[in-house]
Amino acid sequence: MSNLRPELAAIAGLVAPGSRVLDVGCGDGALLEYLVREKGVTGRGMELSQAGVNACVAHGLSVVQGDADTDLSDYPSSVFDFVILSETIQATRRPKSVLTEIMRIGARGIVSLPNFGHWKVRLQLLFSGRMPVTRTLDHSWHDTPNVHLCTIADFAALCAECGVRIEKAFTLSRGRLREIRAGSRTGNLLAETAIFVLARG
């Protein structure tokens, strides 16, 4: 599927053609550009970095500079079919508020995140006593953009607390996508990345 990295390709496969999509934390716009070009979506983006916004605009994408923690409240309710947070929620200061907002403005949310419950992370903590650095968590603790690391179980608990229903959950490891139950202990142990399709409870 194009040149998208595996996580973005998996997300693209979950978006219905012709949908209204908001990609929050859209980076350089690779996913948004694919969705607009290949799936005919009406796509909008929000990106914190000016460099990311510039890259998106250079590709003809409708993207604004904004902060998920503070600017999602500017959008009216129920204006998008899908709101996407691709490896973004763990980098926000108020994940619970961000989750509530995306489910207010979108009929469905698609959230992906690095899984801090992965077995390699657990082993590194156990044997080295230091914050892990892995393929998906590839920053040292002092320069990581990740403010709130969590596991699949943590995110499922947050959804329940916010009254958000997990329609589908997937694990992504070594480029292989597998559907799991949201509360799967095996998934929480083996997944490097988790992807959730969310609906209002």
N, C-alpha and C. Protein backbone atom coordinates (compact mmCIF):
# COMPACT_ATOMS: atom_id res chain seq x y z
N MET A 1 0.84 -1.18 0.00
CA MET A 1 0.00 0.00 0.00
C MET A 1 0.88 1.24 0.00
N SER A 2 1.16 1.79 -1.17
CA SER A 2 1.97 2.98 -1.29
C SER A 2 3.28 2.80 -0.54
N ASN A 3 3.85 3.91 -0.06
CA ASN A 3 5.08 3.85 0.73
C ASN A 3 4.81 4.13 2.19
N LEU A 4 3.57 3.97 2.63
CA LEU A 4 3.23 4.22 4.02
C LEU A 4 3.91 3.21 4.93
N ARG A 5 4.34 3.67 6.10
CA ARG A 5 4.87 2.72 7.07
C ARG A 5 3.72 1.82 7.53
N PRO A 6 4.03 0.62 8.05
CA PRO A 6 2.98 -0.38 8.32
C PRO A 6 1.83 0.13 9.19
N GLU A 7 2.12 0.92 10.20
CA GLU A 7 1.06 1.42 11.09
C GLU A 7 0.10 2.32 10.32
N LEU A 8 0.62 3.20 9.49
CA LEU A 8 -0.24 4.10 8.71
C LEU A 8 -1.02 3.34 7.65
N ALA A 9 -0.40 2.34 7.04
CA ALA A 9 -1.11 1.52 6.06
C ALA A 9 -2.27 0.78 6.71
N ALA A 10 -2.06 0.29 7.93
CA ALA A 10 -3.13 -0.40 8.65
C ALA A 10 -4.28 0.56 8.95
N ILE A 11 -3.96 1.77 9.37
CA ILE A 11 -4.99 2.77 9.66
C ILE A 11 -5.75 3.11 8.38
N ALA A 12 -5.03 3.30 7.29
CA ALA A 12 -5.67 3.63 6.01
C ALA A 12 -6.70 2.58 5.62
N GLY A 13 -6.40 1.32 5.92
CA GLY A 13 -7.32 0.24 5.59
C GLY A 13 -8.60 0.26 6.40
N LEU A 14 -8.62 1.01 7.50
CA LEU A 14 -9.79 1.08 8.37
C LEU A 14 -10.71 2.24 8.04
N VAL A 15 -10.26 3.13 7.17
CA VAL A 15 -11.04 4.33 6.84
C VAL A 15 -11.90 4.06 5.61
N ALA A 16 -13.19 4.31 5.73
CA ALA A 16 -14.11 4.08 4.62
C ALA A 16 -13.90 5.12 3.52
N PRO A 17 -13.95 4.70 2.26
CA PRO A 17 -13.81 5.65 1.14
C PRO A 17 -14.86 6.76 1.23
N GLY A 18 -14.44 7.97 0.85
CA GLY A 18 -15.37 9.09 0.81
C GLY A 18 -15.70 9.70 2.16
N SER A 19 -15.01 9.27 3.22
CA SER A 19 -15.31 9.77 4.56
C SER A 19 -14.79 11.19 4.77
N ARG A 20 -15.32 11.83 5.80
CA ARG A 20 -14.78 13.10 6.28
C ARG A 20 -13.80 12.76 7.40
N VAL A 21 -12.54 13.15 7.22
CA VAL A 21 -11.46 12.71 8.12
C VAL A 21 -10.69 13.90 8.67
N LEU A 22 -10.42 13.85 9.97
CA LEU A 22 -9.48 14.77 10.60
C LEU A 22 -8.32 13.95 11.14
N ASP A 23 -7.11 14.27 10.68
CA ASP A 23 -5.90 13.59 11.14
C ASP A 23 -5.18 14.53 12.10
N VAL A 24 -5.22 14.19 13.39
CA VAL A 24 -4.63 15.02 14.44
C VAL A 24 -3.20 14.56 14.70
N GLY A 25 -2.27 15.49 14.58
CA GLY A 25 -0.86 15.12 14.68
C GLY A 25 -0.42 14.44 13.40
N CYS A 26 -0.76 15.07 12.28
CA CYS A 26 -0.61 14.43 10.97
C CYS A 26 0.82 14.44 10.44
N GLY A 27 1.76 15.07 11.16
CA GLY A 27 3.16 15.05 10.74
C GLY A 27 3.35 15.67 9.37
N ASP A 28 4.02 14.93 8.48
CA ASP A 28 4.27 15.46 7.13
C ASP A 28 3.11 15.22 6.17
N GLY A 29 2.02 14.62 6.69
CA GLY A 29 0.82 14.44 5.88
C GLY A 29 0.79 13.20 5.02
N ALA A 30 1.71 12.25 5.25
CA ALA A 30 1.77 11.05 4.39
C ALA A 30 0.45 10.27 4.40
N LEU A 31 -0.11 10.05 5.58
CA LEU A 31 -1.37 9.30 5.66
C LEU A 31 -2.51 10.10 5.04
N LEU A 32 -2.59 11.37 5.39
CA LEU A 32 -3.68 12.21 4.89
C LEU A 32 -3.64 12.30 3.36
N GLU A 33 -2.45 12.47 2.82
CA GLU A 33 -2.31 12.54 1.36
C GLU A 33 -2.78 11.25 0.71
N TYR A 34 -2.42 10.11 1.29
CA TYR A 34 -2.85 8.82 0.74
C TYR A 34 -4.37 8.71 0.78
N LEU A 35 -4.97 9.08 1.91
CA LEU A 35 -6.42 8.95 2.05
C LEU A 35 -7.17 9.84 1.07
N VAL A 36 -6.67 11.04 0.86
CA VAL A 36 -7.31 11.96 -0.09
C VAL A 36 -7.18 11.42 -1.51
N ARG A 37 -5.98 10.97 -1.86
CA ARG A 37 -5.70 10.55 -3.23
C ARG A 37 -6.33 9.19 -3.57
N GLU A 38 -6.18 8.23 -2.67
CA GLU A 38 -6.57 6.85 -2.97
C GLU A 38 -7.97 6.47 -2.49
N LYS A 39 -8.48 7.15 -1.46
CA LYS A 39 -9.77 6.76 -0.90
C LYS A 39 -10.81 7.87 -1.02
N GLY A 40 -10.44 8.97 -1.64
CA GLY A 40 -11.40 10.03 -1.91
C GLY A 40 -12.00 10.68 -0.69
N VAL A 41 -11.26 10.71 0.41
CA VAL A 41 -11.81 11.32 1.62
C VAL A 41 -11.75 12.84 1.51
N THR A 42 -12.60 13.49 2.29
CA THR A 42 -12.47 14.92 2.51
C THR A 42 -11.59 15.05 3.74
N GLY A 43 -10.34 15.40 3.54
CA GLY A 43 -9.35 15.32 4.61
C GLY A 43 -8.91 16.66 5.14
N ARG A 44 -8.82 16.74 6.46
CA ARG A 44 -8.27 17.89 7.16
C ARG A 44 -7.20 17.39 8.12
N GLY A 45 -6.27 18.26 8.45
CA GLY A 45 -5.22 17.86 9.38
C GLY A 45 -4.93 18.94 10.40
N MET A 46 -4.39 18.50 11.53
CA MET A 46 -3.89 19.40 12.57
C MET A 46 -2.50 18.91 12.95
N GLU A 47 -1.54 19.82 12.98
CA GLU A 47 -0.16 19.45 13.29
C GLU A 47 0.48 20.54 14.15
N LEU A 48 1.21 20.13 15.17
CA LEU A 48 1.82 21.07 16.10
C LEU A 48 3.03 21.78 15.50
N SER A 49 3.85 21.03 14.76
CA SER A 49 5.10 21.61 14.26
C SER A 49 4.88 22.41 12.98
N GLN A 50 5.56 23.56 12.90
CA GLN A 50 5.45 24.38 11.69
C GLN A 50 6.04 23.65 10.49
N ALA A 51 7.13 22.89 10.71
CA ALA A 51 7.74 22.15 9.60
C ALA A 51 6.76 21.13 9.02
N GLY A 52 6.01 20.46 9.90
CA GLY A 52 5.02 19.50 9.44
C GLY A 52 3.91 20.17 8.65
N VAL A 53 3.42 21.30 9.16
CA VAL A 53 2.37 22.05 8.46
C VAL A 53 2.87 22.47 7.08
N ASN A 54 4.10 22.99 7.02
CA ASN A 54 4.66 23.43 5.74
C ASN A 54 4.74 22.28 4.74
N ALA A 55 5.17 21.10 5.22
CA ALA A 55 5.27 19.93 4.34
C ALA A 55 3.89 19.53 3.81
N CYS A 56 2.89 19.59 4.67
CA CYS A 56 1.52 19.23 4.25
C CYS A 56 0.99 20.21 3.22
N VAL A 57 1.15 21.49 3.50
CA VAL A 57 0.64 22.52 2.59
C VAL A 57 1.34 22.43 1.23
N ALA A 58 2.63 22.09 1.26
CA ALA A 58 3.38 21.94 0.01
C ALA A 58 2.82 20.82 -0.86
N HIS A 59 2.12 19.86 -0.22
CA HIS A 59 1.50 18.76 -0.96
C HIS A 59 0.01 19.03 -1.23
N GLY A 60 -0.41 20.26 -0.99
CA GLY A 60 -1.79 20.64 -1.29
C GLY A 60 -2.81 20.19 -0.28
N LEU A 61 -2.37 19.85 0.94
CA LEU A 61 -3.29 19.36 1.97
C LEU A 61 -3.82 20.51 2.82
N SER A 62 -5.05 20.34 3.31
CA SER A 62 -5.68 21.33 4.17
C SER A 62 -5.32 21.03 5.63
N VAL A 63 -4.28 21.67 6.11
CA VAL A 63 -3.76 21.39 7.45
C VAL A 63 -3.53 22.71 8.19
N VAL A 64 -3.92 22.74 9.46
CA VAL A 64 -3.70 23.92 10.29
C VAL A 64 -2.71 23.58 11.40
N GLN A 65 -2.00 24.60 11.87
CA GLN A 65 -1.13 24.39 13.02
C GLN A 65 -1.98 24.45 14.27
N GLY A 66 -1.88 23.44 15.11
CA GLY A 66 -2.70 23.40 16.32
C GLY A 66 -2.19 22.38 17.30
N ASP A 67 -2.66 22.51 18.52
CA ASP A 67 -2.28 21.65 19.64
C ASP A 67 -3.49 20.81 20.05
N ALA A 68 -3.36 19.50 20.00
CA ALA A 68 -4.48 18.62 20.34
C ALA A 68 -5.00 18.87 21.76
N ASP A 69 -4.13 19.28 22.65
CA ASP A 69 -4.53 19.52 24.04
C ASP A 69 -5.47 20.71 24.19
N THR A 70 -5.38 21.68 23.30
CA THR A 70 -6.14 22.91 23.49
C THR A 70 -7.06 23.28 22.33
N ASP A 71 -6.77 22.80 21.12
CA ASP A 71 -7.46 23.33 19.95
C ASP A 71 -8.58 22.45 19.39
N LEU A 72 -8.72 21.23 19.88
CA LEU A 72 -9.81 20.39 19.39
C LEU A 72 -11.17 20.94 19.79
N SER A 73 -11.20 21.69 20.87
CA SER A 73 -12.48 22.26 21.33
C SER A 73 -13.04 23.29 20.35
N ASP A 74 -12.22 23.75 19.41
CA ASP A 74 -12.68 24.72 18.41
C ASP A 74 -13.58 24.08 17.35
N TYR A 75 -13.55 22.75 17.24
CA TYR A 75 -14.34 22.07 16.20
C TYR A 75 -15.76 21.80 16.70
N PRO A 76 -16.75 21.96 15.83
CA PRO A 76 -18.13 21.61 16.21
C PRO A 76 -18.26 20.11 16.42
N SER A 77 -19.31 19.71 17.09
CA SER A 77 -19.56 18.29 17.34
C SER A 77 -19.99 17.57 16.07
N SER A 78 -19.58 16.33 15.96
CA SER A 78 -20.06 15.40 14.91
C SER A 78 -19.82 15.90 13.49
N VAL A 79 -18.67 16.50 13.23
CA VAL A 79 -18.41 17.01 11.87
C VAL A 79 -17.53 16.07 11.04
N PHE A 80 -16.95 15.04 11.67
CA PHE A 80 -16.10 14.10 10.94
C PHE A 80 -16.61 12.68 11.12
N ASP A 81 -16.36 11.86 10.11
CA ASP A 81 -16.67 10.43 10.22
C ASP A 81 -15.58 9.71 11.00
N PHE A 82 -14.32 10.13 10.78
CA PHE A 82 -13.17 9.54 11.48
C PHE A 82 -12.24 10.65 11.96
N VAL A 83 -11.82 10.53 13.21
CA VAL A 83 -10.73 11.38 13.72
C VAL A 83 -9.59 10.44 14.06
N ILE A 84 -8.43 10.70 13.47
CA ILE A 84 -7.27 9.81 13.60
C ILE A 84 -6.23 10.43 14.52
N LEU A 85 -5.74 9.64 15.45
CA LEU A 85 -4.60 10.01 16.29
C LEU A 85 -3.56 8.91 16.10
N SER A 86 -2.62 9.14 15.22
CA SER A 86 -1.60 8.14 14.93
C SER A 86 -0.35 8.40 15.77
N GLU A 87 -0.16 7.55 16.78
CA GLU A 87 0.97 7.69 17.71
C GLU A 87 1.10 9.12 18.19
N THR A 88 -0.03 9.67 18.61
CA THR A 88 -0.11 11.05 19.08
C THR A 88 -0.61 11.15 20.50
N ILE A 89 -1.55 10.31 20.91
CA ILE A 89 -2.21 10.49 22.20
C ILE A 89 -1.22 10.41 23.36
N GLN A 90 -0.18 9.59 23.23
CA GLN A 90 0.79 9.47 24.32
C GLN A 90 1.70 10.69 24.42
N ALA A 91 1.68 11.54 23.39
CA ALA A 91 2.49 12.76 23.40
C ALA A 91 1.69 13.98 23.86
N THR A 92 0.42 13.78 24.21
CA THR A 92 -0.39 14.90 24.69
C THR A 92 -0.28 15.02 26.20
N ARG A 93 -0.59 16.21 26.70
CA ARG A 93 -0.53 16.44 28.15
C ARG A 93 -1.77 15.93 28.86
N ARG A 94 -2.91 15.93 28.14
CA ARG A 94 -4.19 15.53 28.77
C ARG A 94 -4.90 14.49 27.89
N PRO A 95 -4.40 13.25 27.89
CA PRO A 95 -4.97 12.22 27.00
C PRO A 95 -6.47 12.00 27.19
N LYS A 96 -6.94 12.05 28.43
CA LYS A 96 -8.36 11.82 28.68
C LYS A 96 -9.21 12.89 28.00
N SER A 97 -8.80 14.14 28.11
CA SER A 97 -9.51 15.24 27.47
C SER A 97 -9.44 15.12 25.96
N VAL A 98 -8.28 14.75 25.43
CA VAL A 98 -8.12 14.60 23.98
C VAL A 98 -9.02 13.49 23.46
N LEU A 99 -9.07 12.36 24.17
CA LEU A 99 -9.93 11.26 23.76
C LEU A 99 -11.39 11.69 23.76
N THR A 100 -11.81 12.39 24.79
CA THR A 100 -13.19 12.88 24.87
C THR A 100 -13.51 13.81 23.71
N GLU A 101 -12.58 14.69 23.37
CA GLU A 101 -12.81 15.65 22.29
C GLU A 101 -12.90 14.96 20.92
N ILE A 102 -12.00 13.99 20.66
CA ILE A 102 -12.06 13.37 19.33
C ILE A 102 -13.36 12.58 19.15
N MET A 103 -13.89 12.03 20.25
CA MET A 103 -15.14 11.30 20.15
C MET A 103 -16.35 12.23 20.10
N ARG A 104 -16.16 13.47 20.51
CA ARG A 104 -17.22 14.46 20.36
C ARG A 104 -17.32 14.94 18.91
N ILE A 105 -16.17 15.16 18.28
CA ILE A 105 -16.19 15.74 16.93
C ILE A 105 -16.25 14.69 15.83
N GLY A 106 -16.00 13.42 16.16
CA GLY A 106 -16.02 12.36 15.15
C GLY A 106 -16.96 11.23 15.53
N ALA A 107 -17.57 10.61 14.52
CA ALA A 107 -18.41 9.43 14.78
C ALA A 107 -17.55 8.26 15.26
N ARG A 108 -16.32 8.19 14.72
CA ARG A 108 -15.40 7.15 15.13
C ARG A 108 -14.00 7.73 15.28
N GLY A 109 -13.25 7.14 16.18
CA GLY A 109 -11.85 7.51 16.33
C GLY A 109 -10.98 6.33 15.96
N ILE A 110 -9.82 6.62 15.41
CA ILE A 110 -8.80 5.59 15.20
C ILE A 110 -7.55 6.06 15.92
N VAL A 111 -7.16 5.29 16.92
CA VAL A 111 -6.01 5.68 17.76
C VAL A 111 -4.96 4.58 17.70
N SER A 112 -3.73 4.97 17.39
CA SER A 112 -2.62 4.01 17.49
C SER A 112 -1.63 4.53 18.53
N LEU A 113 -0.96 3.61 19.19
CA LEU A 113 -0.01 4.00 20.22
C LEU A 113 1.04 2.92 20.42
N PRO A 114 2.24 3.33 20.84
CA PRO A 114 3.25 2.32 21.19
C PRO A 114 2.85 1.66 22.50
N ASN A 115 2.99 0.35 22.57
CA ASN A 115 2.55 -0.42 23.74
C ASN A 115 3.68 -0.60 24.74
N PHE A 116 3.55 0.06 25.88
CA PHE A 116 4.56 -0.03 26.92
C PHE A 116 4.51 -1.38 27.65
N GLY A 117 3.49 -2.20 27.33
CA GLY A 117 3.39 -3.52 27.93
C GLY A 117 4.08 -4.61 27.13
N HIS A 118 4.72 -4.26 26.00
CA HIS A 118 5.39 -5.24 25.15
C HIS A 118 6.48 -5.97 25.93
N TRP A 119 6.69 -7.23 25.61
CA TRP A 119 7.61 -8.06 26.42
C TRP A 119 9.04 -7.52 26.41
N LYS A 120 9.48 -6.91 25.31
CA LYS A 120 10.84 -6.37 25.29
C LYS A 120 10.99 -5.20 26.25
N VAL A 121 9.93 -4.40 26.34
CA VAL A 121 9.93 -3.28 27.27
C VAL A 121 10.01 -3.80 28.71
N ARG A 122 9.21 -4.81 29.00
CA ARG A 122 9.19 -5.38 30.34
C ARG A 122 10.55 -5.97 30.71
N LEU A 123 11.16 -6.68 29.76
CA LEU A 123 12.46 -7.29 30.05
C LEU A 123 13.54 -6.24 30.26
N GLN A 124 13.52 -5.19 29.45
CA GLN A 124 14.53 -4.14 29.63
C GLN A 124 14.41 -3.49 31.00
N LEU A 125 13.18 -3.22 31.41
CA LEU A 125 12.97 -2.66 32.75
C LEU A 125 13.43 -3.62 33.83
N LEU A 126 13.09 -4.89 33.66
CA LEU A 126 13.41 -5.90 34.67
C LEU A 126 14.91 -6.08 34.83
N PHE A 127 15.63 -6.21 33.71
CA PHE A 127 17.04 -6.57 33.79
C PHE A 127 18.00 -5.37 33.83
N SER A 128 17.60 -4.25 33.23
CA SER A 128 18.52 -3.11 33.25
C SER A 128 18.13 -2.07 34.29
N GLY A 129 16.85 -2.08 34.68
CA GLY A 129 16.40 -1.09 35.64
C GLY A 129 16.33 0.31 35.06
N ARG A 130 16.36 0.41 33.74
CA ARG A 130 16.33 1.72 33.08
C ARG A 130 15.15 1.79 32.12
N MET A 131 14.76 3.02 31.78
CA MET A 131 13.66 3.19 30.82
C MET A 131 14.05 2.56 29.49
N PRO A 132 13.18 1.75 28.93
CA PRO A 132 13.51 1.00 27.71
C PRO A 132 13.63 1.88 26.48
N VAL A 133 14.46 1.45 25.55
CA VAL A 133 14.54 2.03 24.21
C VAL A 133 14.37 0.86 23.24
N THR A 134 13.31 0.93 22.44
CA THR A 134 13.00 -0.15 21.50
C THR A 134 12.75 0.45 20.11
N ARG A 135 12.36 -0.40 19.18
CA ARG A 135 12.09 0.06 17.82
C ARG A 135 10.93 1.07 17.80
N THR A 136 9.91 0.85 18.61
CA THR A 136 8.77 1.76 18.63
C THR A 136 8.88 2.85 19.69
N LEU A 137 9.68 2.62 20.70
CA LEU A 137 9.96 3.64 21.72
C LEU A 137 11.44 3.99 21.60
N ASP A 138 11.75 4.79 20.58
CA ASP A 138 13.14 4.93 20.16
C ASP A 138 13.83 6.20 20.66
N HIS A 139 13.33 6.77 21.75
CA HIS A 139 13.98 7.93 22.38
C HIS A 139 14.41 7.59 23.80
N SER A 140 15.47 8.22 24.26
CA SER A 140 15.84 8.12 25.67
C SER A 140 14.82 8.89 26.50
N TRP A 141 14.73 8.54 27.77
CA TRP A 141 13.70 9.11 28.63
C TRP A 141 13.76 10.64 28.67
N HIS A 142 14.94 11.22 28.52
CA HIS A 142 15.10 12.66 28.69
C HIS A 142 14.78 13.47 27.44
N ASP A 143 14.66 12.81 26.27
CA ASP A 143 14.33 13.57 25.06
C ASP A 143 13.13 12.99 24.31
N THR A 144 12.35 12.17 24.99
CA THR A 144 11.20 11.55 24.34
C THR A 144 10.05 12.54 24.19
N PRO A 145 9.32 12.48 23.07
CA PRO A 145 8.10 13.29 22.94
C PRO A 145 6.92 12.67 23.69
N ASN A 146 7.11 11.42 24.16
CA ASN A 146 6.02 10.72 24.82
C ASN A 146 5.88 11.18 26.26
N VAL A 147 4.74 11.81 26.55
CA VAL A 147 4.49 12.34 27.89
C VAL A 147 3.80 11.31 28.77
N HIS A 148 2.88 10.55 28.19
CA HIS A 148 2.08 9.58 28.94
C HIS A 148 2.14 8.21 28.27
N LEU A 149 3.17 7.45 28.54
CA LEU A 149 3.25 6.10 28.00
C LEU A 149 2.20 5.22 28.67
N CYS A 150 1.66 4.27 27.89
CA CYS A 150 0.65 3.39 28.46
C CYS A 150 0.70 2.03 27.76
N THR A 151 -0.02 1.09 28.33
CA THR A 151 -0.16 -0.24 27.75
C THR A 151 -1.53 -0.35 27.08
N ILE A 152 -1.74 -1.45 26.38
CA ILE A 152 -3.05 -1.71 25.79
C ILE A 152 -4.12 -1.75 26.89
N ALA A 153 -3.79 -2.39 28.00
CA ALA A 153 -4.75 -2.48 29.12
C ALA A 153 -5.06 -1.10 29.69
N ASP A 154 -4.06 -0.24 29.79
CA ASP A 154 -4.28 1.12 30.28
C ASP A 154 -5.24 1.88 29.38
N PHE A 155 -5.01 1.78 28.06
CA PHE A 155 -5.85 2.53 27.13
C PHE A 155 -7.28 1.99 27.14
N ALA A 156 -7.43 0.67 27.21
CA ALA A 156 -8.77 0.09 27.28
C ALA A 156 -9.50 0.58 28.52
N ALA A 157 -8.79 0.70 29.64
CA ALA A 157 -9.40 1.20 30.88
C ALA A 157 -9.80 2.67 30.74
N LEU A 158 -8.99 3.47 30.04
CA LEU A 158 -9.33 4.87 29.82
C LEU A 158 -10.59 4.99 28.97
N CYS A 159 -10.69 4.16 27.93
CA CYS A 159 -11.89 4.18 27.08
C CYS A 159 -13.13 3.87 27.92
N ALA A 160 -13.03 2.86 28.77
CA ALA A 160 -14.17 2.49 29.62
C ALA A 160 -14.54 3.66 30.54
N GLU A 161 -13.55 4.32 31.09
CA GLU A 161 -13.78 5.46 31.99
C GLU A 161 -14.47 6.61 31.27
N CYS A 162 -14.14 6.79 29.99
CA CYS A 162 -14.70 7.89 29.19
C CYS A 162 -15.99 7.51 28.48
N GLY A 163 -16.46 6.28 28.66
CA GLY A 163 -17.67 5.84 27.99
C GLY A 163 -17.48 5.66 26.49
N VAL A 164 -16.26 5.31 26.09
CA VAL A 164 -15.93 5.09 24.68
C VAL A 164 -15.88 3.58 24.43
N ARG A 165 -16.54 3.16 23.37
CA ARG A 165 -16.59 1.73 23.04
C ARG A 165 -15.48 1.38 22.05
N ILE A 166 -14.75 0.32 22.34
CA ILE A 166 -13.73 -0.17 21.43
C ILE A 166 -14.40 -1.15 20.47
N GLU A 167 -14.57 -0.72 19.22
CA GLU A 167 -15.20 -1.58 18.22
C GLU A 167 -14.25 -2.67 17.75
N LYS A 168 -13.00 -2.28 17.51
CA LYS A 168 -11.99 -3.24 17.06
C LYS A 168 -10.66 -2.86 17.68
N ALA A 169 -9.83 -3.86 17.91
CA ALA A 169 -8.47 -3.62 18.41
C ALA A 169 -7.52 -4.52 17.63
N PHE A 170 -6.36 -3.98 17.31
CA PHE A 170 -5.37 -4.71 16.54
C PHE A 170 -3.99 -4.55 17.18
N THR A 171 -3.17 -5.57 17.00
CA THR A 171 -1.76 -5.45 17.35
C THR A 171 -0.95 -5.40 16.06
N LEU A 172 0.15 -4.68 16.12
CA LEU A 172 1.06 -4.60 14.99
C LEU A 172 2.46 -4.87 15.51
N SER A 173 3.04 -5.95 15.04
CA SER A 173 4.40 -6.30 15.41
C SER A 173 5.12 -6.84 14.19
N ARG A 174 6.30 -6.29 13.92
CA ARG A 174 7.09 -6.69 12.76
C ARG A 174 6.28 -6.62 11.46
N GLY A 175 5.43 -5.60 11.37
CA GLY A 175 4.64 -5.38 10.17
C GLY A 175 3.42 -6.25 10.03
N ARG A 176 3.16 -7.13 11.00
CA ARG A 176 2.01 -8.04 10.94
C ARG A 176 0.87 -7.52 11.79
N LEU A 177 -0.30 -7.38 11.17
CA LEU A 177 -1.48 -6.86 11.84
C LEU A 177 -2.37 -8.02 12.26
N ARG A 178 -2.80 -8.00 13.53
CA ARG A 178 -3.69 -9.05 14.03
C ARG A 178 -4.79 -8.43 14.87
N GLU A 179 -6.02 -8.88 14.64
CA GLU A 179 -7.13 -8.39 15.46
C GLU A 179 -7.16 -9.15 16.78
N ILE A 180 -7.42 -8.43 17.86
CA ILE A 180 -7.47 -9.02 19.20
C ILE A 180 -8.69 -8.50 19.95
N ARG A 181 -8.99 -9.13 21.07
CA ARG A 181 -9.94 -8.54 22.01
C ARG A 181 -9.21 -7.41 22.74
N ALA A 182 -9.93 -6.35 23.06
CA ALA A 182 -9.29 -5.18 23.68
C ALA A 182 -8.63 -5.55 25.01
N GLY A 183 -9.18 -6.51 25.73
CA GLY A 183 -8.61 -6.88 27.02
C GLY A 183 -7.63 -8.05 26.96
N SER A 184 -7.14 -8.36 25.78
CA SER A 184 -6.28 -9.53 25.61
C SER A 184 -4.94 -9.37 26.32
N ARG A 185 -4.65 -10.27 27.23
CA ARG A 185 -3.34 -10.24 27.92
C ARG A 185 -2.22 -10.61 26.97
N THR A 186 -2.50 -11.53 26.06
CA THR A 186 -1.48 -11.94 25.09
C THR A 186 -1.13 -10.77 24.17
N GLY A 187 -2.17 -10.06 23.70
CA GLY A 187 -1.93 -8.89 22.86
C GLY A 187 -1.11 -7.85 23.58
N ASN A 188 -1.42 -7.62 24.85
CA ASN A 188 -0.70 -6.63 25.65
C ASN A 188 0.77 -7.02 25.83
N LEU A 189 1.04 -8.29 25.80
CA LEU A 189 2.41 -8.78 25.97
C LEU A 189 3.20 -8.76 24.66
N LEU A 190 2.53 -9.07 23.53
CA LEU A 190 3.24 -9.28 22.27
C LEU A 190 3.22 -8.10 21.31
N ALA A 191 2.33 -7.14 21.53
CA ALA A 191 2.18 -6.04 20.56
C ALA A 191 3.20 -4.93 20.78
N GLU A 192 3.90 -4.57 19.71
CA GLU A 192 4.76 -3.38 19.77
C GLU A 192 3.91 -2.12 19.63
N THR A 193 2.91 -2.20 18.75
CA THR A 193 1.99 -1.08 18.52
C THR A 193 0.57 -1.60 18.59
N ALA A 194 -0.33 -0.79 19.10
CA ALA A 194 -1.75 -1.14 19.14
C ALA A 194 -2.54 -0.12 18.34
N ILE A 195 -3.59 -0.59 17.67
CA ILE A 195 -4.49 0.27 16.89
C ILE A 195 -5.91 -0.02 17.32
N PHE A 196 -6.66 1.03 17.62
CA PHE A 196 -8.04 0.89 18.10
C PHE A 196 -9.00 1.66 17.20
N VAL A 197 -10.14 1.04 16.91
CA VAL A 197 -11.26 1.74 16.27
C VAL A 197 -12.29 1.98 17.36
N LEU A 198 -12.63 3.24 17.56
CA LEU A 198 -13.47 3.64 18.70
C LEU A 198 -14.80 4.22 18.23
N ALA A 199 -15.82 4.01 19.06
CA ALA A 199 -17.14 4.60 18.79
C ALA A 199 -17.68 5.12 20.11
N ARG A 200 -18.66 5.97 20.00
CA ARG A 200 -19.28 6.50 21.21
C ARG A 200 -20.02 5.39 21.93
N GLY A 201 -19.90 5.38 23.23
CA GLY A 201 -20.56 4.35 24.03
C GLY A 201 -22.05 4.50 24.01
